[in-house]
Each structure stands twice: as structure tokens, then as C-alpha cells.
Amino acid sequence: MTDTAASLREALDDLLASLDAARARQWETSPVPRPRDDTTERSKGEAPSDPTADTVLDARRLAVRKEVQLAEGVLEVALRAFARRRDELDRAVRRFDGA
């Protein structure tokens, strides 16, 4: 059981590190190549640049945001499960001890 607990701690630490890195990126536009401003690439008759919309609709940013939300949800579910198990285990031990 000690190995399982150690593995769980390591997995949690890894998840938290990944989550910190993802949280730092979830509101940023992903780094994608952009046409250089000093070339003819910038004016091909397309709609004007809209950096806010570019950030909001960035598929890679949205994928990171989704994974952040899922990871946070897993942590919340795990926390509730651990607390529930701890309470039930404590209750069973108290009953065993006659309390």
C-alpha cells in the first residue's frame, strides 16, 4: 500500500505541475506563425486583424482551457472521494472501538 500512496503522491505532484503550466497559457493566444508586417502577406483583401477574436477563438488555447477545466474537475472529485473515504474509515474505526 505504501507504493500505491507514493505513486499517488507523485502523480498528484505531476498533475499539479502540468496544471500550473497550462493555467499560465489558457488565456493566451498560442504561438503560431504570423505573416510579417513588412511583406505583401498582410494585405490579401481579408478582414481586418482582430487580436481579441483571434485569442478567444484560438483552437489550441481552447484545447488547453478544456484540459485545465477537466483537470480541476478531477481534483475536486478526488478531494471529495478522499474526504468521504476518510470519514467512513474513521466512523468504522470508532464503531469498532465501541464509540
PDB file of N, CA and C in Angstrom:
ATOM      1  N   MET A   1       0.822  -1.202   0.000  1.00  0.00           N
ATOM      2  CA  MET A   1       0.000   0.000   0.000  1.00  0.00           C
ATOM      3  C   MET A   1       0.861   1.259   0.000  1.00  0.00           C
ATOM      4  N   THR A   2       2.036   1.181   0.612  1.00  0.00           N
ATOM      5  CA  THR A   2       2.925   2.337   0.646  1.00  0.00           C
ATOM      6  C   THR A   2       3.349   2.741  -0.754  1.00  0.00           C
ATOM      7  N   ASP A   3       3.610   1.749  -1.615  1.00  0.00           N
ATOM      8  CA  ASP A   3       3.981   2.046  -3.005  1.00  0.00           C
ATOM      9  C   ASP A   3       2.844   2.757  -3.730  1.00  0.00           C
ATOM     10  N   THR A   4       1.624   2.322  -3.477  1.00  0.00           N
ATOM     11  CA  THR A   4       0.462   2.949  -4.119  1.00  0.00           C
ATOM     12  C   THR A   4       0.321   4.395  -3.664  1.00  0.00           C
ATOM     13  N   ALA A   5       0.474   4.635  -2.382  1.00  0.00           N
ATOM     14  CA  ALA A   5       0.370   6.005  -1.852  1.00  0.00           C
ATOM     15  C   ALA A   5       1.482   6.879  -2.423  1.00  0.00           C
ATOM     16  N   ALA A   6       2.684   6.353  -2.516  1.00  0.00           N
ATOM     17  CA  ALA A   6       3.797   7.119  -3.077  1.00  0.00           C
ATOM     18  C   ALA A   6       3.545   7.426  -4.549  1.00  0.00           C
ATOM     19  N   SER A   7       3.027   6.456  -5.270  1.00  0.00           N
ATOM     20  CA  SER A   7       2.705   6.677  -6.684  1.00  0.00           C
ATOM     21  C   SER A   7       1.604   7.720  -6.844  1.00  0.00           C
ATOM     22  N   LEU A   8       0.633   7.673  -5.945  1.00  0.00           N
ATOM     23  CA  LEU A   8      -0.449   8.659  -5.975  1.00  0.00           C
ATOM     24  C   LEU A   8       0.093  10.057  -5.706  1.00  0.00           C
ATOM     25  N   ARG A   9       0.961  10.188  -4.729  1.00  0.00           N
ATOM     26  CA  ARG A   9       1.568  11.496  -4.442  1.00  0.00           C
ATOM     27  C   ARG A   9       2.362  12.007  -5.642  1.00  0.00           C
ATOM     28  N   GLU A  10       3.122  11.110  -6.264  1.00  0.00           N
ATOM     29  CA  GLU A  10       3.920  11.504  -7.423  1.00  0.00           C
ATOM     30  C   GLU A  10       3.018  11.927  -8.586  1.00  0.00           C
ATOM     31  N   ALA A  11       1.947  11.163  -8.821  1.00  0.00           N
ATOM     32  CA  ALA A  11       1.010  11.510  -9.893  1.00  0.00           C
ATOM     33  C   ALA A  11       0.336  12.849  -9.617  1.00  0.00           C
ATOM     34  N   LEU A  12      -0.024  13.100  -8.361  1.00  0.00           N
ATOM     35  CA  LEU A  12      -0.632  14.376  -7.994  1.00  0.00           C
ATOM     36  C   LEU A  12       0.350  15.525  -8.200  1.00  0.00           C
ATOM     37  N   ASP A  13       1.587  15.341  -7.773  1.00  0.00           N
ATOM     38  CA  ASP A  13       2.598  16.382  -7.978  1.00  0.00           C
ATOM     39  C   ASP A  13       2.786  16.674  -9.465  1.00  0.00           C
ATOM     40  N   ASP A  14       2.841  15.615 -10.274  1.00  0.00           N
ATOM     41  CA  ASP A  14       2.996  15.791 -11.725  1.00  0.00           C
ATOM     42  C   ASP A  14       1.803  16.530 -12.324  1.00  0.00           C
ATOM     43  N   LEU A  15       0.599  16.145 -11.896  1.00  0.00           N
ATOM     44  CA  LEU A  15      -0.604  16.808 -12.402  1.00  0.00           C
ATOM     45  C   LEU A  15      -0.618  18.278 -12.011  1.00  0.00           C
ATOM     46  N   LEU A  16      -0.259  18.583 -10.780  1.00  0.00           N
ATOM     47  CA  LEU A  16      -0.248  19.972 -10.329  1.00  0.00           C
ATOM     48  C   LEU A  16       0.782  20.801 -11.090  1.00  0.00           C
ATOM     49  N   ALA A  17       1.930  20.218 -11.390  1.00  0.00           N
ATOM     50  CA  ALA A  17       2.944  20.937 -12.171  1.00  0.00           C
ATOM     51  C   ALA A  17       2.432  21.201 -13.585  1.00  0.00           C
ATOM     52  N   SER A  18       1.821  20.193 -14.194  1.00  0.00           N
ATOM     53  CA  SER A  18       1.265  20.372 -15.537  1.00  0.00           C
ATOM     54  C   SER A  18       0.131  21.388 -15.523  1.00  0.00           C
ATOM     55  N   LEU A  19      -0.676  21.344 -14.481  1.00  0.00           N
ATOM     56  CA  LEU A  19      -1.798  22.264 -14.365  1.00  0.00           C
ATOM     57  C   LEU A  19      -1.308  23.705 -14.224  1.00  0.00           C
ATOM     58  N   ASP A  20      -0.261  23.908 -13.451  1.00  0.00           N
ATOM     59  CA  ASP A  20       0.306  25.258 -13.324  1.00  0.00           C
ATOM     60  C   ASP A  20       0.774  25.779 -14.681  1.00  0.00           C
ATOM     61  N   ALA A  21       1.456  24.920 -15.434  1.00  0.00           N
ATOM     62  CA  ALA A  21       1.946  25.319 -16.758  1.00  0.00           C
ATOM     63  C   ALA A  21       0.786  25.622 -17.704  1.00  0.00           C
ATOM     64  N   ALA A  22      -0.255  24.816 -17.647  1.00  0.00           N
ATOM     65  CA  ALA A  22      -1.418  25.017 -18.524  1.00  0.00           C
ATOM     66  C   ALA A  22      -2.198  26.266 -18.125  1.00  0.00           C
ATOM     67  N   ARG A  23      -2.355  26.484 -16.825  1.00  0.00           N
ATOM     68  CA  ARG A  23      -3.079  27.682 -16.370  1.00  0.00           C
ATOM     69  C   ARG A  23      -2.403  28.951 -16.871  1.00  0.00           C
ATOM     70  N   ALA A  24      -1.093  28.937 -16.944  1.00  0.00           N
ATOM     71  CA  ALA A  24      -0.354  30.115 -17.408  1.00  0.00           C
ATOM     72  C   ALA A  24      -0.607  30.386 -18.885  1.00  0.00           C
ATOM     73  N   ARG A  25      -1.066  29.387 -19.620  1.00  0.00           N
ATOM     74  CA  ARG A  25      -1.260  29.527 -21.062  1.00  0.00           C
ATOM     75  C   ARG A  25      -2.720  29.624 -21.494  1.00  0.00           C
ATOM     76  N   GLN A  26      -3.652  29.268 -20.638  1.00  0.00           N
ATOM     77  CA  GLN A  26      -5.038  29.108 -21.051  1.00  0.00           C
ATOM     78  C   GLN A  26      -5.712  30.380 -21.552  1.00  0.00           C
ATOM     79  N   TRP A  27      -5.190  31.533 -21.240  1.00  0.00           N
ATOM     80  CA  TRP A  27      -5.810  32.784 -21.684  1.00  0.00           C
ATOM     81  C   TRP A  27      -4.986  33.511 -22.742  1.00  0.00           C
ATOM     82  N   GLU A  28      -3.942  32.858 -23.227  1.00  0.00           N
ATOM     83  CA  GLU A  28      -3.050  33.464 -24.215  1.00  0.00           C
ATOM     84  C   GLU A  28      -3.293  32.871 -25.600  1.00  0.00           C
ATOM     85  N   THR A  29      -3.041  33.661 -26.626  1.00  0.00           N
ATOM     86  CA  THR A  29      -3.079  33.138 -27.985  1.00  0.00           C
ATOM     87  C   THR A  29      -1.883  32.222 -28.168  1.00  0.00           C
ATOM     88  N   SER A  30      -2.095  31.082 -28.789  1.00  0.00           N
ATOM     89  CA  SER A  30      -0.982  30.160 -28.997  1.00  0.00           C
ATOM     90  C   SER A  30       0.032  30.762 -29.964  1.00  0.00           C
ATOM     91  N   PRO A  31       1.289  30.405 -29.793  1.00  0.00           N
ATOM     92  CA  PRO A  31       2.325  30.960 -30.666  1.00  0.00           C
ATOM     93  C   PRO A  31       2.288  30.283 -32.044  1.00  0.00           C
ATOM     94  N   VAL A  32       1.670  30.938 -32.986  1.00  0.00           N
ATOM     95  CA  VAL A  32       1.597  30.405 -34.353  1.00  0.00           C
ATOM     96  C   VAL A  32       2.284  31.388 -35.283  1.00  0.00           C
ATOM     97  N   PRO A  33       2.830  30.893 -36.370  1.00  0.00           N
ATOM     98  CA  PRO A  33       3.460  31.825 -37.314  1.00  0.00           C
ATOM     99  C   PRO A  33       2.448  32.846 -37.826  1.00  0.00           C
ATOM    100  N   ARG A  34       2.863  34.069 -37.884  1.00  0.00           N
ATOM    101  CA  ARG A  34       2.022  35.150 -38.381  1.00  0.00           C
ATOM    102  C   ARG A  34       2.730  35.781 -39.583  1.00  0.00           C
ATOM    103  N   PRO A  35       1.977  36.274 -40.552  1.00  0.00           N
ATOM    104  CA  PRO A  35       2.620  36.956 -41.674  1.00  0.00           C
ATOM    105  C   PRO A  35       3.417  38.152 -41.172  1.00  0.00           C
ATOM    106  N   ARG A  36       4.558  38.368 -41.740  1.00  0.00           N
ATOM    107  CA  ARG A  36       5.369  39.513 -41.355  1.00  0.00           C
ATOM    108  C   ARG A  36       4.691  40.799 -41.803  1.00  0.00           C
ATOM    109  N   ASP A  37       4.798  41.819 -41.007  1.00  0.00           N
ATOM    110  CA  ASP A  37       4.156  43.096 -41.317  1.00  0.00           C
ATOM    111  C   ASP A  37       4.762  43.800 -42.523  1.00  0.00           C
ATOM    112  N   ASP A  38       5.998  43.456 -42.869  1.00  0.00           N
ATOM    113  CA  ASP A  38       6.645  44.180 -43.957  1.00  0.00           C
ATOM    114  C   ASP A  38       6.586  43.433 -45.297  1.00  0.00           C
ATOM    115  N   THR A  39       5.653  42.516 -45.420  1.00  0.00           N
ATOM    116  CA  THR A  39       5.516  41.788 -46.681  1.00  0.00           C
ATOM    117  C   THR A  39       4.123  42.008 -47.247  1.00  0.00           C
ATOM    118  N   THR A  40       3.909  41.532 -48.444  1.00  0.00           N
ATOM    119  CA  THR A  40       2.581  41.639 -49.051  1.00  0.00           C
ATOM    120  C   THR A  40       1.612  40.638 -48.450  1.00  0.00           C
ATOM    121  N   GLU A  41       2.093  39.753 -47.578  1.00  0.00           N
ATOM    122  CA  GLU A  41       1.224  38.774 -46.926  1.00  0.00           C
ATOM    123  C   GLU A  41       0.122  39.441 -46.114  1.00  0.00           C
ATOM    124  N   ARG A  42       0.397  40.630 -45.637  1.00  0.00           N
ATOM    125  CA  ARG A  42      -0.549  41.247 -44.702  1.00  0.00           C
ATOM    126  C   ARG A  42      -1.794  41.800 -45.364  1.00  0.00           C
ATOM    127  N   SER A  43      -1.786  42.017 -46.641  1.00  0.00           N
ATOM    128  CA  SER A  43      -2.982  42.592 -47.254  1.00  0.00           C
ATOM    129  C   SER A  43      -3.395  41.769 -48.470  1.00  0.00           C
ATOM    130  N   LYS A  44      -4.245  40.806 -48.193  1.00  0.00           N
ATOM    131  CA  LYS A  44      -4.770  39.963 -49.270  1.00  0.00           C
ATOM    132  C   LYS A  44      -6.281  40.138 -49.372  1.00  0.00           C
ATOM    133  N   GLY A  45      -6.771  41.261 -48.951  1.00  0.00           N
ATOM    134  CA  GLY A  45      -8.200  41.507 -49.025  1.00  0.00           C
ATOM    135  C   GLY A  45      -8.993  40.811 -47.938  1.00  0.00           C
ATOM    136  N   GLU A  46      -8.318  40.326 -46.904  1.00  0.00           N
ATOM    137  CA  GLU A  46      -9.010  39.643 -45.815  1.00  0.00           C
ATOM    138  C   GLU A  46      -9.571  40.663 -44.830  1.00  0.00           C
ATOM    139  N   ALA A  47     -10.366  40.175 -43.906  1.00  0.00           N
ATOM    140  CA  ALA A  47     -10.942  41.034 -42.875  1.00  0.00           C
ATOM    141  C   ALA A  47      -9.814  41.645 -42.041  1.00  0.00           C
ATOM    142  N   PRO A  48     -10.064  42.802 -41.444  1.00  0.00           N
ATOM    143  CA  PRO A  48      -9.044  43.435 -40.595  1.00  0.00           C
ATOM    144  C   PRO A  48      -8.655  42.512 -39.433  1.00  0.00           C
ATOM    145  N   SER A  49      -7.455  42.706 -38.962  1.00  0.00           N
ATOM    146  CA  SER A  49      -6.964  41.924 -37.840  1.00  0.00           C
ATOM    147  C   SER A  49      -7.827  42.180 -36.606  1.00  0.00           C
ATOM    148  N   ASP A  50      -8.122  41.122 -35.864  1.00  0.00           N
ATOM    149  CA  ASP A  50      -8.898  41.230 -34.631  1.00  0.00           C
ATOM    150  C   ASP A  50      -8.215  40.365 -33.576  1.00  0.00           C
ATOM    151  N   PRO A  51      -7.209  40.897 -32.879  1.00  0.00           N
ATOM    152  CA  PRO A  51      -6.451  40.092 -31.922  1.00  0.00           C
ATOM    153  C   PRO A  51      -7.304  39.495 -30.803  1.00  0.00           C
ATOM    154  N   THR A  52      -8.324  40.217 -30.379  1.00  0.00           N
ATOM    155  CA  THR A  52      -9.182  39.684 -29.317  1.00  0.00           C
ATOM    156  C   THR A  52      -9.911  38.444 -29.800  1.00  0.00           C
ATOM    157  N   ALA A  53     -10.521  38.530 -30.963  1.00  0.00           N
ATOM    158  CA  ALA A  53     -11.212  37.361 -31.514  1.00  0.00           C
ATOM    159  C   ALA A  53     -10.227  36.235 -31.798  1.00  0.00           C
ATOM    160  N   ASP A  54      -9.031  36.585 -32.284  1.00  0.00           N
ATOM    161  CA  ASP A  54      -8.020  35.564 -32.542  1.00  0.00           C
ATOM    162  C   ASP A  54      -7.697  34.789 -31.264  1.00  0.00           C
ATOM    163  N   THR A  55      -7.585  35.501 -30.154  1.00  0.00           N
ATOM    164  CA  THR A  55      -7.299  34.845 -28.879  1.00  0.00           C
ATOM    165  C   THR A  55      -8.488  34.017 -28.413  1.00  0.00           C
ATOM    166  N   VAL A  56      -9.664  34.594 -28.459  1.00  0.00           N
ATOM    167  CA  VAL A  56     -10.868  33.908 -27.983  1.00  0.00           C
ATOM    168  C   VAL A  56     -11.125  32.629 -28.769  1.00  0.00           C
ATOM    169  N   LEU A  57     -10.933  32.671 -30.064  1.00  0.00           N
ATOM    170  CA  LEU A  57     -11.266  31.543 -30.929  1.00  0.00           C
ATOM    171  C   LEU A  57     -10.089  30.618 -31.222  1.00  0.00           C
ATOM    172  N   ASP A  58      -8.948  30.868 -30.636  1.00  0.00           N
ATOM    173  CA  ASP A  58      -7.758  30.060 -30.878  1.00  0.00           C
ATOM    174  C   ASP A  58      -8.009  28.612 -30.436  1.00  0.00           C
ATOM    175  N   ALA A  59      -8.017  27.685 -31.386  1.00  0.00           N
ATOM    176  CA  ALA A  59      -8.346  26.282 -31.094  1.00  0.00           C
ATOM    177  C   ALA A  59      -7.354  25.649 -30.124  1.00  0.00           C
ATOM    178  N   ARG A  60      -6.087  25.981 -30.253  1.00  0.00           N
ATOM    179  CA  ARG A  60      -5.103  25.397 -29.342  1.00  0.00           C
ATOM    180  C   ARG A  60      -5.276  25.959 -27.933  1.00  0.00           C
ATOM    181  N   ARG A  61      -5.592  27.231 -27.816  1.00  0.00           N
ATOM    182  CA  ARG A  61      -5.855  27.818 -26.495  1.00  0.00           C
ATOM    183  C   ARG A  61      -7.090  27.169 -25.881  1.00  0.00           C
ATOM    184  N   LEU A  62      -8.124  26.988 -26.693  1.00  0.00           N
ATOM    185  CA  LEU A  62      -9.355  26.367 -26.205  1.00  0.00           C
ATOM    186  C   LEU A  62      -9.118  24.935 -25.741  1.00  0.00           C
ATOM    187  N   ALA A  63      -8.244  24.207 -26.426  1.00  0.00           N
ATOM    188  CA  ALA A  63      -7.924  22.838 -26.015  1.00  0.00           C
ATOM    189  C   ALA A  63      -7.221  22.837 -24.660  1.00  0.00           C
ATOM    190  N   VAL A  64      -6.302  23.789 -24.462  1.00  0.00           N
ATOM    191  CA  VAL A  64      -5.629  23.898 -23.165  1.00  0.00           C
ATOM    192  C   VAL A  64      -6.645  24.246 -22.086  1.00  0.00           C
ATOM    193  N   ARG A  65      -7.519  25.207 -22.366  1.00  0.00           N
ATOM    194  CA  ARG A  65      -8.544  25.618 -21.392  1.00  0.00           C
ATOM    195  C   ARG A  65      -9.432  24.440 -21.000  1.00  0.00           C
ATOM    196  N   LYS A  66      -9.842  23.656 -21.996  1.00  0.00           N
ATOM    197  CA  LYS A  66     -10.689  22.487 -21.721  1.00  0.00           C
ATOM    198  C   LYS A  66      -9.972  21.511 -20.800  1.00  0.00           C
ATOM    199  N   GLU A  67      -8.701  21.248 -21.068  1.00  0.00           N
ATOM    200  CA  GLU A  67      -7.948  20.309 -20.237  1.00  0.00           C
ATOM    201  C   GLU A  67      -7.721  20.855 -18.831  1.00  0.00           C
ATOM    202  N   VAL A  68      -7.542  22.155 -18.696  1.00  0.00           N
ATOM    203  CA  VAL A  68      -7.430  22.764 -17.364  1.00  0.00           C
ATOM    204  C   VAL A  68      -8.724  22.514 -16.589  1.00  0.00           C
ATOM    205  N   GLN A  69      -9.856  22.767 -17.228  1.00  0.00           N
ATOM    206  CA  GLN A  69     -11.140  22.564 -16.555  1.00  0.00           C
ATOM    207  C   GLN A  69     -11.333  21.101 -16.161  1.00  0.00           C
ATOM    208  N   LEU A  70     -10.979  20.175 -17.048  1.00  0.00           N
ATOM    209  CA  LEU A  70     -11.118  18.755 -16.736  1.00  0.00           C
ATOM    210  C   LEU A  70     -10.196  18.349 -15.586  1.00  0.00           C
ATOM    211  N   ALA A  71      -8.963  18.829 -15.599  1.00  0.00           N
ATOM    212  CA  ALA A  71      -8.024  18.505 -14.524  1.00  0.00           C
ATOM    213  C   ALA A  71      -8.513  19.062 -13.187  1.00  0.00           C
ATOM    214  N   GLU A  72      -9.010  20.299 -13.202  1.00  0.00           N
ATOM    215  CA  GLU A  72      -9.539  20.885 -11.970  1.00  0.00           C
ATOM    216  C   GLU A  72     -10.741  20.081 -11.470  1.00  0.00           C
ATOM    217  N   GLY A  73     -11.568  19.627 -12.390  1.00  0.00           N
ATOM    218  CA  GLY A  73     -12.716  18.806 -12.011  1.00  0.00           C
ATOM    219  C   GLY A  73     -12.296  17.486 -11.386  1.00  0.00           C
ATOM    220  N   VAL A  74     -11.282  16.847 -11.955  1.00  0.00           N
ATOM    221  CA  VAL A  74     -10.773  15.590 -11.409  1.00  0.00           C
ATOM    222  C   VAL A  74     -10.241  15.813 -10.001  1.00  0.00           C
ATOM    223  N   LEU A  75      -9.539  16.911  -9.789  1.00  0.00           N
ATOM    224  CA  LEU A  75      -9.010  17.203  -8.455  1.00  0.00           C
ATOM    225  C   LEU A  75     -10.141  17.406  -7.450  1.00  0.00           C
ATOM    226  N   GLU A  76     -11.190  18.098  -7.866  1.00  0.00           N
ATOM    227  CA  GLU A  76     -12.333  18.314  -6.963  1.00  0.00           C
ATOM    228  C   GLU A  76     -13.022  16.993  -6.621  1.00  0.00           C
ATOM    229  N   VAL A  77     -13.234  16.148  -7.631  1.00  0.00           N
ATOM    230  CA  VAL A  77     -13.861  14.846  -7.401  1.00  0.00           C
ATOM    231  C   VAL A  77     -12.979  13.990  -6.486  1.00  0.00           C
ATOM    232  N   ALA A  78     -11.675  13.996  -6.745  1.00  0.00           N
ATOM    233  CA  ALA A  78     -10.752  13.213  -5.919  1.00  0.00           C
ATOM    234  C   ALA A  78     -10.761  13.701  -4.476  1.00  0.00           C
ATOM    235  N   LEU A  79     -10.763  15.007  -4.285  1.00  0.00           N
ATOM    236  CA  LEU A  79     -10.788  15.561  -2.937  1.00  0.00           C
ATOM    237  C   LEU A  79     -12.036  15.105  -2.185  1.00  0.00           C
ATOM    238  N   ARG A  80     -13.185  15.181  -2.852  1.00  0.00           N
ATOM    239  CA  ARG A  80     -14.430  14.728  -2.205  1.00  0.00           C
ATOM    240  C   ARG A  80     -14.390  13.230  -1.909  1.00  0.00           C
ATOM    241  N   ALA A  81     -13.838  12.438  -2.831  1.00  0.00           N
ATOM    242  CA  ALA A  81     -13.753  10.989  -2.629  1.00  0.00           C
ATOM    243  C   ALA A  81     -12.832  10.658  -1.455  1.00  0.00           C
ATOM    244  N   PHE A  82     -11.685  11.325  -1.386  1.00  0.00           N
ATOM    245  CA  PHE A  82     -10.769  11.090  -0.267  1.00  0.00           C
ATOM    246  C   PHE A  82     -11.421  11.465   1.057  1.00  0.00           C
ATOM    247  N   ALA A  83     -12.070  12.604   1.097  1.00  0.00           N
ATOM    248  CA  ALA A  83     -12.721  13.051   2.332  1.00  0.00           C
ATOM    249  C   ALA A  83     -13.821  12.076   2.749  1.00  0.00           C
ATOM    250  N   ARG A  84     -14.594  11.613   1.772  1.00  0.00           N
ATOM    251  CA  ARG A  84     -15.677  10.658   2.058  1.00  0.00           C
ATOM    252  C   ARG A  84     -15.097   9.346   2.607  1.00  0.00           C
ATOM    253  N   ARG A  85     -14.045   8.834   1.983  1.00  0.00           N
ATOM    254  CA  ARG A  85     -13.420   7.585   2.444  1.00  0.00           C
ATOM    255  C   ARG A  85     -12.830   7.758   3.824  1.00  0.00           C
ATOM    256  N   ARG A  86     -12.160   8.902   4.072  1.00  0.00           N
ATOM    257  CA  ARG A  86     -11.572   9.154   5.389  1.00  0.00           C
ATOM    258  C   ARG A  86     -12.662   9.166   6.457  1.00  0.00           C
ATOM    259  N   ASP A  87     -13.775   9.852   6.185  1.00  0.00           N
ATOM    260  CA  ASP A  87     -14.876   9.927   7.143  1.00  0.00           C
ATOM    261  C   ASP A  87     -15.448   8.542   7.431  1.00  0.00           C
ATOM    262  N   GLU A  88     -15.666   7.749   6.382  1.00  0.00           N
ATOM    263  CA  GLU A  88     -16.224   6.402   6.560  1.00  0.00           C
ATOM    264  C   GLU A  88     -15.252   5.495   7.309  1.00  0.00           C
ATOM    265  N   LEU A  89     -13.978   5.607   6.995  1.00  0.00           N
ATOM    266  CA  LEU A  89     -12.971   4.806   7.685  1.00  0.00           C
ATOM    267  C   LEU A  89     -12.903   5.183   9.161  1.00  0.00           C
ATOM    268  N   ASP A  90     -12.893   6.487   9.439  1.00  0.00           N
ATOM    269  CA  ASP A  90     -12.880   6.938  10.841  1.00  0.00           C
ATOM    270  C   ASP A  90     -14.126   6.461  11.575  1.00  0.00           C
ATOM    271  N   ARG A  91     -15.268   6.535  10.912  1.00  0.00           N
ATOM    272  CA  ARG A  91     -16.521   6.096  11.522  1.00  0.00           C
ATOM    273  C   ARG A  91     -16.468   4.594  11.827  1.00  0.00           C
ATOM    274  N   ALA A  92     -15.959   3.795  10.916  1.00  0.00           N
ATOM    275  CA  ALA A  92     -15.847   2.349  11.140  1.00  0.00           C
ATOM    276  C   ALA A  92     -14.897   2.028  12.285  1.00  0.00           C
ATOM    277  N   VAL A  93     -13.794   2.743  12.380  1.00  0.00           N
ATOM    278  CA  VAL A  93     -12.837   2.524  13.477  1.00  0.00           C
ATOM    279  C   VAL A  93     -13.475   2.912  14.808  1.00  0.00           C
ATOM    280  N   ARG A  94     -14.197   4.033  14.823  1.00  0.00           N
ATOM    281  CA  ARG A  94     -14.868   4.435  16.074  1.00  0.00           C
ATOM    282  C   ARG A  94     -15.900   3.378  16.498  1.00  0.00           C
ATOM    283  N   ARG A  95     -16.657   2.852  15.547  1.00  0.00           N
ATOM    284  CA  ARG A  95     -17.644   1.799  15.878  1.00  0.00           C
ATOM    285  C   ARG A  95     -16.916   0.559  16.393  1.00  0.00           C
ATOM    286  N   PHE A  96     -15.813   0.195  15.757  1.00  0.00           N
ATOM    287  CA  PHE A  96     -15.028  -0.950  16.192  1.00  0.00           C
ATOM    288  C   PHE A  96     -14.567  -0.771  17.634  1.00  0.00           C
ATOM    289  N   ASP A  97     -14.133   0.466  17.947  1.00  0.00           N
ATOM    290  CA  ASP A  97     -13.633   0.762  19.289  1.00  0.00           C
ATOM    291  C   ASP A  97     -14.737   0.961  20.307  1.00  0.00           C
ATOM    292  N   GLY A  98     -15.995   0.873  19.864  1.00  0.00           N
ATOM    293  CA  GLY A  98     -17.117   0.976  20.788  1.00  0.00           C
ATOM    294  C   GLY A  98     -17.612   2.374  20.995  1.00  0.00           C
ATOM    295  N   ALA A  99     -17.214   3.292  20.183  1.00  0.00           N
ATOM    296  CA  ALA A  99     -17.640   4.680  20.358  1.00  0.00           C
ATOM    297  C   ALA A  99     -18.933   4.943  19.618  1.00  0.00           C
TER     298      ALA A  99
END
